[in-house]
C-alpha atoms as a PDB file:
ATOM      1  CA  UNK A   1      -3.119  -4.626 -14.611  1.00  0.00           C
ATOM      2  CA  UNK A   2      -0.114  -4.063 -12.301  1.00  0.00           C
ATOM      3  CA  UNK A   3       1.133  -7.121 -10.304  1.00  0.00           C
ATOM      4  CA  UNK A   4       3.349  -7.786  -7.278  1.00  0.00           C
ATOM      5  CA  UNK A   5       5.002 -11.045  -7.391  1.00  0.00           C
ATOM      6  CA  UNK A   6       6.923 -13.619  -5.410  1.00  0.00           C
ATOM      7  CA  UNK A   7       9.517 -15.933  -7.113  1.00  0.00           C
ATOM      8  CA  UNK A   8      11.247 -18.867  -5.545  1.00  0.00           C
ATOM      9  CA  UNK A   9      14.582 -20.124  -6.898  1.00  0.00           C
ATOM     10  CA  UNK A  10      14.414 -23.650  -7.721  1.00  0.00           C
ATOM     11  CA  UNK A  11      18.030 -24.285  -6.934  1.00  0.00           C
ATOM     12  CA  UNK A  12      18.356 -22.671  -3.534  1.00  0.00           C
ATOM     13  CA  UNK A  13      14.952 -21.588  -2.410  1.00  0.00           C
ATOM     14  CA  UNK A  14      15.706 -17.868  -2.245  1.00  0.00           C
ATOM     15  CA  UNK A  15      12.841 -15.474  -2.687  1.00  0.00           C
ATOM     16  CA  UNK A  16      12.609 -12.415  -4.753  1.00  0.00           C
ATOM     17  CA  UNK A  17       9.745  -9.845  -4.792  1.00  0.00           C
ATOM     18  CA  UNK A  18       9.048  -7.730  -7.787  1.00  0.00           C
ATOM     19  CA  UNK A  19       6.486  -5.711  -9.679  1.00  0.00           C
ATOM     20  CA  UNK A  20       5.472  -5.421 -13.210  1.00  0.00           C
ATOM     21  CA  UNK A  21       2.657  -4.750 -15.765  1.00  0.00           C
ATOM     22  CA  UNK A  22       3.314  -8.009 -17.691  1.00  0.00           C
ATOM     23  CA  UNK A  23       3.876 -10.890 -15.325  1.00  0.00           C
ATOM     24  CA  UNK A  24       4.427 -13.722 -17.868  1.00  0.00           C
ATOM     25  CA  UNK A  25       7.020 -11.617 -19.662  1.00  0.00           C
ATOM     26  CA  UNK A  26       8.805 -10.426 -16.541  1.00  0.00           C
ATOM     27  CA  UNK A  27       9.063 -14.108 -15.134  1.00  0.00           C
ATOM     28  CA  UNK A  28      10.587 -15.117 -18.545  1.00  0.00           C
ATOM     29  CA  UNK A  29      12.953 -12.392 -18.103  1.00  0.00           C
ATOM     30  CA  UNK A  30      14.021 -13.630 -14.618  1.00  0.00           C
ATOM     31  CA  UNK A  31      14.413 -17.297 -16.011  1.00  0.00           C
ATOM     32  CA  UNK A  32      16.540 -16.241 -19.237  1.00  0.00           C
ATOM     33  CA  UNK A  33      18.833 -14.207 -16.952  1.00  0.00           C
ATOM     34  CA  UNK A  34      18.019 -10.778 -18.072  1.00  0.00           C
ATOM     35  CA  UNK A  35      17.471  -9.484 -14.652  1.00  0.00           C
ATOM     36  CA  UNK A  36      20.913  -8.836 -12.935  1.00  0.00           C
ATOM     37  CA  UNK A  37      19.682  -9.176  -9.280  1.00  0.00           C
ATOM     38  CA  UNK A  38      18.395 -12.653  -9.800  1.00  0.00           C
ATOM     39  CA  UNK A  39      20.843 -14.177 -12.434  1.00  0.00           C
ATOM     40  CA  UNK A  40      22.640 -16.286  -9.843  1.00  0.00           C
ATOM     41  CA  UNK A  41      19.442 -18.016  -8.596  1.00  0.00           C
ATOM     42  CA  UNK A  42      17.921 -19.182 -11.684  1.00  0.00           C
ATOM     43  CA  UNK A  43      15.495 -20.816 -12.622  1.00  0.00           C
ATOM     44  CA  UNK A  44      12.472 -19.452 -10.588  1.00  0.00           C
ATOM     45  CA  UNK A  45       8.984 -20.438 -10.084  1.00  0.00           C
ATOM     46  CA  UNK A  46       5.977 -18.018  -9.445  1.00  0.00           C
ATOM     47  CA  UNK A  47       4.570 -18.843  -6.079  1.00  0.00           C
ATOM     48  CA  UNK A  48       2.460 -15.872  -5.380  1.00  0.00           C
ATOM     49  CA  UNK A  49       1.157 -12.702  -6.968  1.00  0.00           C
ATOM     50  CA  UNK A  50      -1.319  -9.855  -6.465  1.00  0.00           C
ATOM     51  CA  UNK A  51      -2.959  -7.866  -9.115  1.00  0.00           C
ATOM     52  CA  UNK A  52      -3.715  -4.060  -8.990  1.00  0.00           C
ATOM     53  CA  UNK A  53      -5.580  -1.488 -11.132  1.00  0.00           C
ATOM     54  CA  UNK A  54      -3.315   1.322 -10.417  1.00  0.00           C
ATOM     55  CA  UNK A  55       0.547   1.206 -10.718  1.00  0.00           C
ATOM     56  CA  UNK A  56       0.965   3.238  -7.557  1.00  0.00           C
ATOM     57  CA  UNK A  57      -0.793   0.580  -5.447  1.00  0.00           C
ATOM     58  CA  UNK A  58       1.439  -2.052  -6.709  1.00  0.00           C
ATOM     59  CA  UNK A  59       4.502   0.129  -6.078  1.00  0.00           C
ATOM     60  CA  UNK A  60       3.507   0.580  -2.517  1.00  0.00           C
ATOM     61  CA  UNK A  61       2.883  -2.993  -1.962  1.00  0.00           C
ATOM     62  CA  UNK A  62       6.204  -4.047  -3.376  1.00  0.00           C
ATOM     63  CA  UNK A  63       7.749  -1.513  -1.144  1.00  0.00           C
ATOM     64  CA  UNK A  64       5.947  -2.835   1.888  1.00  0.00           C
ATOM     65  CA  UNK A  65       6.856  -6.530   1.276  1.00  0.00           C
ATOM     66  CA  UNK A  66      10.452  -5.611   0.391  1.00  0.00           C
ATOM     67  CA  UNK A  67      11.179  -3.256   3.293  1.00  0.00           C
ATOM     68  CA  UNK A  68       8.830  -4.073   6.262  1.00  0.00           C
ATOM     69  CA  UNK A  69       9.506  -7.388   7.844  1.00  0.00           C
ATOM     70  CA  UNK A  70       9.391 -10.855   6.570  1.00  0.00           C
ATOM     71  CA  UNK A  71       7.738 -11.506   3.152  1.00  0.00           C
ATOM     72  CA  UNK A  72       6.726 -15.170   3.974  1.00  0.00           C
ATOM     73  CA  UNK A  73       5.543 -14.109   7.455  1.00  0.00           C
ATOM     74  CA  UNK A  74       3.446 -11.336   6.055  1.00  0.00           C
ATOM     75  CA  UNK A  75       1.917 -13.713   3.241  1.00  0.00           C
ATOM     76  CA  UNK A  76       1.349 -16.630   5.857  1.00  0.00           C
ATOM     77  CA  UNK A  77      -0.557 -14.131   8.165  1.00  0.00           C
ATOM     78  CA  UNK A  78      -2.586 -12.946   5.084  1.00  0.00           C
ATOM     79  CA  UNK A  79      -3.503 -16.543   4.194  1.00  0.00           C
ATOM     80  CA  UNK A  80      -4.383 -17.360   7.848  1.00  0.00           C
ATOM     81  CA  UNK A  81      -6.549 -14.301   8.004  1.00  0.00           C
ATOM     82  CA  UNK A  82      -8.393 -15.345   4.971  1.00  0.00           C
ATOM     83  CA  UNK A  83      -9.269 -18.641   6.440  1.00  0.00           C
ATOM     84  CA  UNK A  84     -11.053 -16.943   9.372  1.00  0.00           C
ATOM     85  CA  UNK A  85     -13.477 -15.197   7.225  1.00  0.00           C
END
């Protein structure tokens, strides 16, 4: 599986969106300081993830969440829409 995930810093509530094929290992890497872009915001908690069969789908979703509007706003809209169904 290929995952798109959302992490939240436990020290300052900053958010980080990423993509991986090993979710547990990647979160551990973030929390051990191996990821340069998130080192200053450790530790993190996983607050959301999506799983995809194909890596291209995960890449497209990660890009959309990172570069097209508010991540939180998008996820809130998704949850709200799922409650209507």
